[in-house]
C-alpha atoms as a PDB file:
ATOM      1  CA  UNK A   1     103.495  43.002  64.832  1.00  0.00           C
ATOM      2  CA  UNK A   2     103.153  40.900  67.889  1.00  0.00           C
ATOM      3  CA  UNK A   3      99.832  39.912  68.833  1.00  0.00           C
ATOM      4  CA  UNK A   4      98.920  39.853  72.236  1.00  0.00           C
ATOM      5  CA  UNK A   5      96.587  36.514  73.526  1.00  0.00           C
ATOM      6  CA  UNK A   6      93.097  36.434  74.136  1.00  0.00           C
ATOM      7  CA  UNK A   7      92.423  36.927  77.874  1.00  0.00           C
ATOM      8  CA  UNK A   8      89.665  34.511  79.774  1.00  0.00           C
ATOM      9  CA  UNK A   9      87.215  36.121  81.488  1.00  0.00           C
ATOM     10  CA  UNK A  10      84.823  34.940  84.044  1.00  0.00           C
ATOM     11  CA  UNK A  11      81.089  34.665  83.555  1.00  0.00           C
ATOM     12  CA  UNK A  12      80.918  37.176  86.072  1.00  0.00           C
ATOM     13  CA  UNK A  13      82.807  39.843  84.626  1.00  0.00           C
ATOM     14  CA  UNK A  14      81.153  39.260  81.000  1.00  0.00           C
ATOM     15  CA  UNK A  15      77.790  39.666  83.110  1.00  0.00           C
ATOM     16  CA  UNK A  16      79.162  43.231  84.244  1.00  0.00           C
ATOM     17  CA  UNK A  17      80.430  44.176  80.561  1.00  0.00           C
ATOM     18  CA  UNK A  18      77.273  42.781  78.997  1.00  0.00           C
ATOM     19  CA  UNK A  19      74.932  44.549  82.067  1.00  0.00           C
ATOM     20  CA  UNK A  20      72.720  40.932  82.607  1.00  0.00           C
ATOM     21  CA  UNK A  21      73.001  38.431  85.186  1.00  0.00           C
ATOM     22  CA  UNK A  22      75.914  35.743  85.823  1.00  0.00           C
ATOM     23  CA  UNK A  23      72.703  32.899  84.927  1.00  0.00           C
ATOM     24  CA  UNK A  24      72.133  34.917  81.722  1.00  0.00           C
ATOM     25  CA  UNK A  25      76.112  34.058  80.979  1.00  0.00           C
ATOM     26  CA  UNK A  26      75.222  30.501  81.884  1.00  0.00           C
ATOM     27  CA  UNK A  27      72.225  30.203  79.809  1.00  0.00           C
ATOM     28  CA  UNK A  28      73.561  31.740  76.722  1.00  0.00           C
ATOM     29  CA  UNK A  29      77.014  29.468  76.995  1.00  0.00           C
ATOM     30  CA  UNK A  30      74.359  26.182  77.101  1.00  0.00           C
ATOM     31  CA  UNK A  31      72.302  27.754  74.145  1.00  0.00           C
ATOM     32  CA  UNK A  32      75.581  28.118  72.059  1.00  0.00           C
ATOM     33  CA  UNK A  33      75.170  31.879  71.686  1.00  0.00           C
ATOM     34  CA  UNK A  34      78.188  33.026  73.823  1.00  0.00           C
ATOM     35  CA  UNK A  35      81.424  30.277  73.510  1.00  0.00           C
ATOM     36  CA  UNK A  36      82.914  29.337  77.027  1.00  0.00           C
ATOM     37  CA  UNK A  37      85.431  26.691  78.038  1.00  0.00           C
ATOM     38  CA  UNK A  38      85.255  24.865  81.706  1.00  0.00           C
ATOM     39  CA  UNK A  39      88.571  25.455  83.658  1.00  0.00           C
ATOM     40  CA  UNK A  40      88.720  23.177  86.984  1.00  0.00           C
ATOM     41  CA  UNK A  41      84.973  23.448  87.405  1.00  0.00           C
ATOM     42  CA  UNK A  42      84.660  27.395  86.328  1.00  0.00           C
ATOM     43  CA  UNK A  43      83.512  29.057  83.070  1.00  0.00           C
ATOM     44  CA  UNK A  44      85.925  31.175  81.063  1.00  0.00           C
ATOM     45  CA  UNK A  45      84.837  33.110  78.107  1.00  0.00           C
ATOM     46  CA  UNK A  46      87.519  34.292  75.535  1.00  0.00           C
ATOM     47  CA  UNK A  47      87.465  38.467  75.198  1.00  0.00           C
ATOM     48  CA  UNK A  48      87.786  38.068  71.350  1.00  0.00           C
ATOM     49  CA  UNK A  49      84.321  35.587  71.754  1.00  0.00           C
ATOM     50  CA  UNK A  50      82.504  38.399  73.582  1.00  0.00           C
ATOM     51  CA  UNK A  51      83.536  41.202  71.135  1.00  0.00           C
ATOM     52  CA  UNK A  52      82.179  38.767  68.253  1.00  0.00           C
ATOM     53  CA  UNK A  53      78.951  37.856  70.210  1.00  0.00           C
ATOM     54  CA  UNK A  54      78.053  41.990  70.994  1.00  0.00           C
ATOM     55  CA  UNK A  55      79.328  42.810  67.181  1.00  0.00           C
ATOM     56  CA  UNK A  56      76.740  40.287  65.664  1.00  0.00           C
ATOM     57  CA  UNK A  57      73.877  41.205  68.371  1.00  0.00           C
ATOM     58  CA  UNK A  58      74.309  44.660  67.848  1.00  0.00           C
ATOM     59  CA  UNK A  59      71.944  46.530  65.186  1.00  0.00           C
ATOM     60  CA  UNK A  60      73.598  49.084  62.802  1.00  0.00           C
ATOM     61  CA  UNK A  61      72.524  52.630  63.418  1.00  0.00           C
ATOM     62  CA  UNK A  62      69.419  53.501  60.824  1.00  0.00           C
ATOM     63  CA  UNK A  63      69.353  56.733  58.943  1.00  0.00           C
ATOM     64  CA  UNK A  64      66.125  58.393  59.329  1.00  0.00           C
ATOM     65  CA  UNK A  65      65.359  61.145  56.633  1.00  0.00           C
ATOM     66  CA  UNK A  66      62.320  62.705  58.711  1.00  0.00           C
ATOM     67  CA  UNK A  67      64.334  66.079  60.003  1.00  0.00           C
END
């Protein structure tokens, strides 16, 4: 099986996917919550890092017995 390499997304693309403003993405990178690399002065974020962030910051569904 051939694995495809990660795509790199801009901060604007990531902000659209996560539903937050671009400044929030920059702040998350600065705070170390999200990995990013600078390419010619612009931030790029790997899709796998976005998926990892979402997975780590998503609460699992809770089972409720109140039915």
